[in-house]
Amino acid sequence: MSHILRKVLAAAAAVLVSGATFAAPASAAPPRPFVVLQDFAPTIQHDIRYYGPHNFVGTKIDGYREPLCILTRPAAEALRRVQWKMLSRGYTLKVYDCFRPQRSVDHFVRWAKDLEDEKMKPEFYPNVAKDRLFADGYIAEKSGHSRGSTVDLTVVKLPPRHQRPYVPGEPLQPCTAPAGERFPDNSVDMGTGFDCFDTLSHTANPLITGKARENRDLLVNTMAEAGFRNLVEEWWHFTLNDEPYPDTYFDFPVSRKSVYRP
């Protein structure tokens, strides 16, 4: 076991998980128990794409006040179990998105209806006409993320490589391009970039072979062992099987204040 991996495991082992339940501000009104993932699994990396401009809209999304991953407590506990397994194999998880407020989904819908705004098309939907995003299921008026037990994530090899920040206005490369030609994400190769609106993102697409197929299988199988099911159209998208709020869509902002009372 490498020195770096021992340090990561030691940091994870030092996490003390409180059994207390925290009330939410009345104005935000999130149900208990929602938690901040960093408090449960601090070794999981974060790249919260909707907090900044590197996403298919090209701007910060409504509702993302902090670059946090908020989940229901059962989902966070299950994801912590996945992280322990990944660490033992020389990897770490990296989350792109977790709880997503309804106001954020509404922002996506407004953007999708504006057919003239295609500034991020070369990267995120190079082969799909924007007027097909609803019909093809890439954009919808409701998202499982708003129920609090769905997460978008990937796998990073330890020790994590540096990932340079996205610079607004920089030339965009297709999310379907080979790994060395896409935006330089520090994750393992999954065959496409995150949020790639393309059939190549379908988890079982037979065109994804070799190491990318092995990496997808690693993520899907390890998540399944912890009780998560994959969305077959998106290799990065997983929902806890026993999610506590399967029929409720919440709309509090992504902020620590939404979860914990000061």
Protein backbone atom coordinates (compact mmCIF):
# COMPACT_ATOMS: atom_id res chain seq x y z
CA MET A 1 0.00 0.00 0.00
CA SER A 2 1.44 3.38 -1.00
CA HIS A 3 2.26 6.09 1.51
CA ILE A 4 -0.38 8.36 -0.09
CA LEU A 5 -3.08 5.69 0.10
CA ARG A 6 -2.25 5.01 3.77
CA LYS A 7 -2.67 8.72 4.49
CA VAL A 8 -6.00 8.83 2.67
CA LEU A 9 -7.27 5.77 4.55
CA ALA A 10 -6.11 7.22 7.85
CA ALA A 11 -7.95 10.46 7.14
CA ALA A 12 -11.10 8.55 6.30
CA ALA A 13 -10.81 6.48 9.46
CA ALA A 14 -10.57 9.65 11.54
CA VAL A 15 -14.04 10.84 10.55
CA LEU A 16 -16.41 10.93 13.51
CA VAL A 17 -20.02 10.67 12.40
CA SER A 18 -22.47 12.28 14.81
CA GLY A 19 -25.78 10.67 15.52
CA ALA A 20 -27.44 14.03 16.08
CA THR A 21 -30.21 15.28 13.82
CA PHE A 22 -30.05 18.87 12.65
CA ALA A 23 -33.09 21.03 12.02
CA ALA A 24 -33.30 23.16 8.87
CA PRO A 25 -34.18 26.84 8.62
CA ALA A 26 -37.91 27.35 8.20
CA SER A 27 -37.37 29.36 5.02
CA ALA A 28 -35.55 26.49 3.30
CA ALA A 29 -37.64 23.72 4.87
CA PRO A 30 -35.60 20.68 3.84
CA PRO A 31 -36.82 17.53 5.54
CA ARG A 32 -34.54 15.72 7.93
CA PRO A 33 -32.17 14.04 7.51
CA PHE A 34 -30.27 15.85 4.74
CA VAL A 35 -26.52 16.06 5.27
CA VAL A 36 -23.39 17.50 3.69
CA LEU A 37 -21.35 14.67 2.17
CA GLN A 38 -18.02 16.18 3.24
CA ASP A 39 -19.05 15.63 6.86
CA PHE A 40 -19.51 11.89 6.19
CA ALA A 41 -16.82 11.12 3.65
CA PRO A 42 -14.22 13.91 3.51
CA THR A 43 -11.90 11.98 1.17
CA ILE A 44 -14.42 12.02 -1.70
CA GLN A 45 -13.39 14.62 -4.27
CA HIS A 46 -15.80 17.32 -5.43
CA ASP A 47 -16.18 18.94 -8.85
CA ILE A 48 -19.64 20.50 -8.51
CA ARG A 49 -20.20 21.51 -12.11
CA TYR A 50 -23.41 23.51 -11.66
CA TYR A 51 -21.77 25.87 -9.18
CA GLY A 52 -19.61 27.24 -12.01
CA PRO A 53 -19.77 27.75 -15.78
CA HIS A 54 -18.33 24.42 -16.97
CA ASN A 55 -21.62 22.73 -17.76
CA PHE A 56 -23.98 22.41 -20.71
CA VAL A 57 -25.66 25.75 -19.92
CA GLY A 58 -22.36 27.60 -19.62
CA THR A 59 -23.18 29.54 -16.46
CA LYS A 60 -23.71 29.02 -12.74
CA ILE A 61 -27.07 27.36 -12.19
CA ASP A 62 -29.83 28.81 -10.02
CA GLY A 63 -29.87 27.34 -6.51
CA TYR A 64 -26.17 26.47 -6.20
CA ARG A 65 -25.00 28.85 -3.47
CA GLU A 66 -22.03 26.69 -2.41
CA PRO A 67 -20.05 23.93 -4.18
CA LEU A 68 -21.44 21.25 -1.90
CA CYS A 69 -22.82 17.75 -2.22
CA ILE A 70 -26.00 17.46 -0.15
CA LEU A 71 -27.69 14.07 0.16
CA THR A 72 -30.17 12.27 2.35
CA ARG A 73 -28.38 10.66 5.25
CA PRO A 74 -28.97 7.08 3.98
CA ALA A 75 -27.50 7.99 0.59
CA ALA A 76 -24.46 9.64 2.20
CA GLU A 77 -23.86 6.63 4.44
CA ALA A 78 -24.10 4.26 1.46
CA LEU A 79 -21.73 6.42 -0.59
CA ARG A 80 -19.24 6.36 2.27
CA ARG A 81 -19.23 2.56 2.04
CA VAL A 82 -18.49 2.82 -1.68
CA GLN A 83 -15.62 5.18 -0.95
CA TRP A 84 -14.03 2.75 1.52
CA LYS A 85 -14.04 0.05 -1.16
CA MET A 86 -12.62 2.40 -3.77
CA LEU A 87 -9.84 3.55 -1.44
CA SER A 88 -8.83 -0.05 -0.76
CA ARG A 89 -8.46 -0.55 -4.52
CA GLY A 90 -6.39 2.57 -5.08
CA TYR A 91 -9.17 4.89 -6.25
CA THR A 92 -11.38 7.65 -4.91
CA LEU A 93 -14.84 8.78 -5.90
CA LYS A 94 -15.44 12.25 -7.30
CA VAL A 95 -18.92 13.79 -7.26
CA TYR A 96 -20.20 16.15 -9.95
CA ASP A 97 -23.70 16.73 -8.58
CA CYS A 98 -25.89 15.52 -5.72
CA PHE A 99 -29.09 17.13 -4.47
CA ARG A 100 -30.41 19.47 -7.18
CA PRO A 101 -33.13 21.97 -6.25
CA GLN A 102 -36.24 22.21 -8.40
CA ARG A 103 -35.26 25.81 -9.20
CA SER A 104 -32.10 24.43 -10.83
CA VAL A 105 -34.13 22.03 -12.95
CA ASP A 106 -36.35 24.97 -13.94
CA HIS A 107 -33.19 26.82 -15.05
CA PHE A 108 -32.30 23.85 -17.29
CA VAL A 109 -35.79 23.89 -18.80
CA ARG A 110 -35.66 27.63 -19.58
CA TRP A 111 -32.25 27.19 -21.19
CA ALA A 112 -33.40 24.23 -23.29
CA LYS A 113 -36.30 26.25 -24.69
CA ASP A 114 -33.92 29.00 -25.84
CA LEU A 115 -32.80 27.38 -29.08
CA GLU A 116 -30.41 30.21 -29.94
CA ASP A 117 -28.18 29.63 -26.90
CA GLU A 118 -25.79 26.93 -28.08
CA LYS A 119 -22.47 28.22 -26.76
CA MET A 120 -21.68 24.92 -25.00
CA LYS A 121 -22.94 22.64 -27.78
CA PRO A 122 -19.46 21.79 -29.16
CA GLU A 123 -18.58 20.04 -25.87
CA PHE A 124 -21.77 18.72 -24.31
CA TYR A 125 -24.12 17.86 -27.20
CA PRO A 126 -22.07 17.98 -30.40
CA ASN A 127 -24.21 15.39 -32.20
CA VAL A 128 -27.69 16.32 -30.94
CA ALA A 129 -29.87 19.18 -32.15
CA LYS A 130 -30.92 21.37 -29.24
CA ASP A 131 -34.58 21.14 -30.22
CA ARG A 132 -34.33 17.38 -29.54
CA LEU A 133 -33.16 17.65 -25.92
CA PHE A 134 -36.65 17.19 -24.43
CA ALA A 135 -37.80 14.53 -26.89
CA ASP A 136 -34.62 12.51 -26.45
CA GLY A 137 -34.84 12.68 -22.65
CA TYR A 138 -31.75 14.75 -21.95
CA ILE A 139 -33.76 17.52 -20.28
CA ALA A 140 -36.94 17.02 -18.22
CA GLU A 141 -39.11 19.13 -15.93
CA LYS A 142 -38.41 16.87 -12.94
CA SER A 143 -35.18 15.23 -11.80
CA GLY A 144 -34.50 12.40 -9.40
CA HIS A 145 -31.72 14.59 -8.01
CA SER A 146 -34.38 16.77 -6.38
CA ARG A 147 -35.37 13.84 -4.16
CA GLY A 148 -31.96 13.93 -2.50
CA SER A 149 -30.71 10.36 -2.99
CA THR A 150 -29.27 10.61 -6.51
CA VAL A 151 -25.65 11.39 -7.27
CA ASP A 152 -23.56 12.00 -10.40
CA LEU A 153 -20.02 10.77 -9.92
CA THR A 154 -16.91 9.17 -11.37
CA VAL A 155 -13.70 7.43 -10.29
CA VAL A 156 -10.23 8.97 -9.86
CA LYS A 157 -6.99 6.98 -9.63
CA LEU A 158 -4.87 7.66 -6.53
CA PRO A 159 -2.95 9.85 -6.17
CA PRO A 160 -5.27 12.30 -7.96
CA ARG A 161 -3.73 14.17 -10.86
CA HIS A 162 -4.06 17.95 -10.95
CA GLN A 163 -7.11 19.11 -12.87
CA ARG A 164 -6.82 22.57 -14.35
CA PRO A 165 -9.81 24.91 -14.04
CA TYR A 166 -12.12 25.55 -16.95
CA VAL A 167 -11.66 28.99 -18.50
CA PRO A 168 -14.91 30.50 -19.87
CA GLY A 169 -14.58 31.13 -23.58
CA GLU A 170 -11.80 28.59 -24.14
CA PRO A 171 -12.09 26.35 -27.21
CA LEU A 172 -14.40 23.42 -26.50
CA GLN A 173 -13.71 19.80 -27.38
CA PRO A 174 -16.45 17.19 -27.92
CA CYS A 175 -17.35 15.10 -24.88
CA THR A 176 -17.34 12.11 -27.23
CA ALA A 177 -13.69 12.58 -28.26
CA PRO A 178 -10.92 10.26 -27.00
CA ALA A 179 -9.89 10.93 -23.41
CA GLY A 180 -6.72 12.77 -24.39
CA GLU A 181 -8.68 15.21 -26.54
CA ARG A 182 -11.55 16.03 -24.16
CA PHE A 183 -11.45 18.60 -21.37
CA PRO A 184 -8.71 17.28 -19.03
CA ASP A 185 -10.76 15.77 -16.22
CA ASN A 186 -8.55 13.91 -13.74
CA SER A 187 -10.89 10.92 -13.60
CA VAL A 188 -10.26 7.56 -15.20
CA ASP A 189 -11.47 7.21 -18.78
CA MET A 190 -15.19 6.44 -18.90
CA GLY A 191 -15.53 6.72 -22.67
CA THR A 192 -17.18 10.17 -22.61
CA GLY A 193 -17.07 13.27 -20.49
CA PHE A 194 -19.61 14.01 -17.76
CA ASP A 195 -23.04 15.26 -18.87
CA CYS A 196 -22.37 14.16 -22.43
CA PHE A 197 -25.70 14.20 -24.31
CA ASP A 198 -24.96 11.27 -26.57
CA THR A 199 -25.78 7.57 -26.84
CA LEU A 200 -22.12 6.84 -26.07
CA SER A 201 -22.99 7.84 -22.49
CA HIS A 202 -25.38 4.89 -22.22
CA THR A 203 -23.72 2.72 -19.62
CA ALA A 204 -23.84 -0.53 -21.60
CA ASN A 205 -23.16 0.97 -25.05
CA PRO A 206 -21.22 -1.78 -26.87
CA LEU A 207 -18.99 0.80 -28.56
CA ILE A 208 -17.36 1.48 -25.19
CA THR A 209 -14.66 -1.16 -24.84
CA GLY A 210 -11.27 -1.78 -23.27
CA LYS A 211 -10.25 0.21 -20.21
CA ALA A 212 -13.25 2.54 -20.40
CA ARG A 213 -15.55 -0.50 -20.21
CA GLU A 214 -13.62 -1.83 -17.23
CA ASN A 215 -13.89 1.53 -15.49
CA ARG A 216 -17.64 1.74 -16.05
CA ASP A 217 -18.07 -1.78 -14.73
CA LEU A 218 -16.00 -0.96 -11.65
CA LEU A 219 -18.21 2.02 -10.84
CA VAL A 220 -21.52 0.30 -11.56
CA ASN A 221 -20.68 -2.89 -9.67
CA THR A 222 -19.25 -1.13 -6.61
CA MET A 223 -22.22 1.22 -6.42
CA ALA A 224 -24.63 -1.70 -6.80
CA GLU A 225 -22.99 -3.50 -3.88
CA ALA A 226 -23.86 -0.48 -1.72
CA GLY A 227 -27.49 -0.35 -2.87
CA PHE A 228 -27.39 2.11 -5.78
CA ARG A 229 -28.93 1.57 -9.20
CA ASN A 230 -27.55 3.12 -12.35
CA LEU A 231 -29.53 5.12 -14.90
CA VAL A 232 -28.82 3.16 -18.09
CA GLU A 233 -28.60 6.32 -20.23
CA GLU A 234 -25.91 7.95 -18.04
CA TRP A 235 -22.86 6.05 -16.77
CA TRP A 236 -22.36 8.70 -14.02
CA HIS A 237 -25.93 8.72 -12.57
CA PHE A 238 -26.94 6.59 -9.56
CA THR A 239 -29.93 6.50 -7.19
CA LEU A 240 -30.20 4.78 -3.83
CA ASN A 241 -32.62 1.87 -4.16
CA ASP A 242 -34.22 2.53 -0.77
CA GLU A 243 -34.39 6.31 -1.13
CA PRO A 244 -36.41 7.83 1.72
CA TYR A 245 -38.35 10.34 -0.44
CA PRO A 246 -39.17 8.52 -3.71
CA ASP A 247 -42.10 10.78 -4.60
CA THR A 248 -41.03 14.17 -3.22
CA TYR A 249 -39.12 16.86 -5.10
CA PHE A 250 -37.48 19.53 -2.94
CA ASP A 251 -36.45 23.10 -3.69
CA PHE A 252 -34.10 24.38 -1.00
CA PRO A 253 -30.77 25.91 -2.14
CA VAL A 254 -27.50 24.02 -2.14
CA SER A 255 -26.01 25.60 0.97
CA ARG A 256 -24.87 24.41 4.38
CA LYS A 257 -27.40 26.79 5.92
CA SER A 258 -30.16 24.80 4.23
CA VAL A 259 -29.17 21.72 6.19
CA TYR A 260 -27.84 22.97 9.52
CA ARG A 261 -29.18 25.64 11.80
CA PRO A 262 -26.44 28.21 12.70
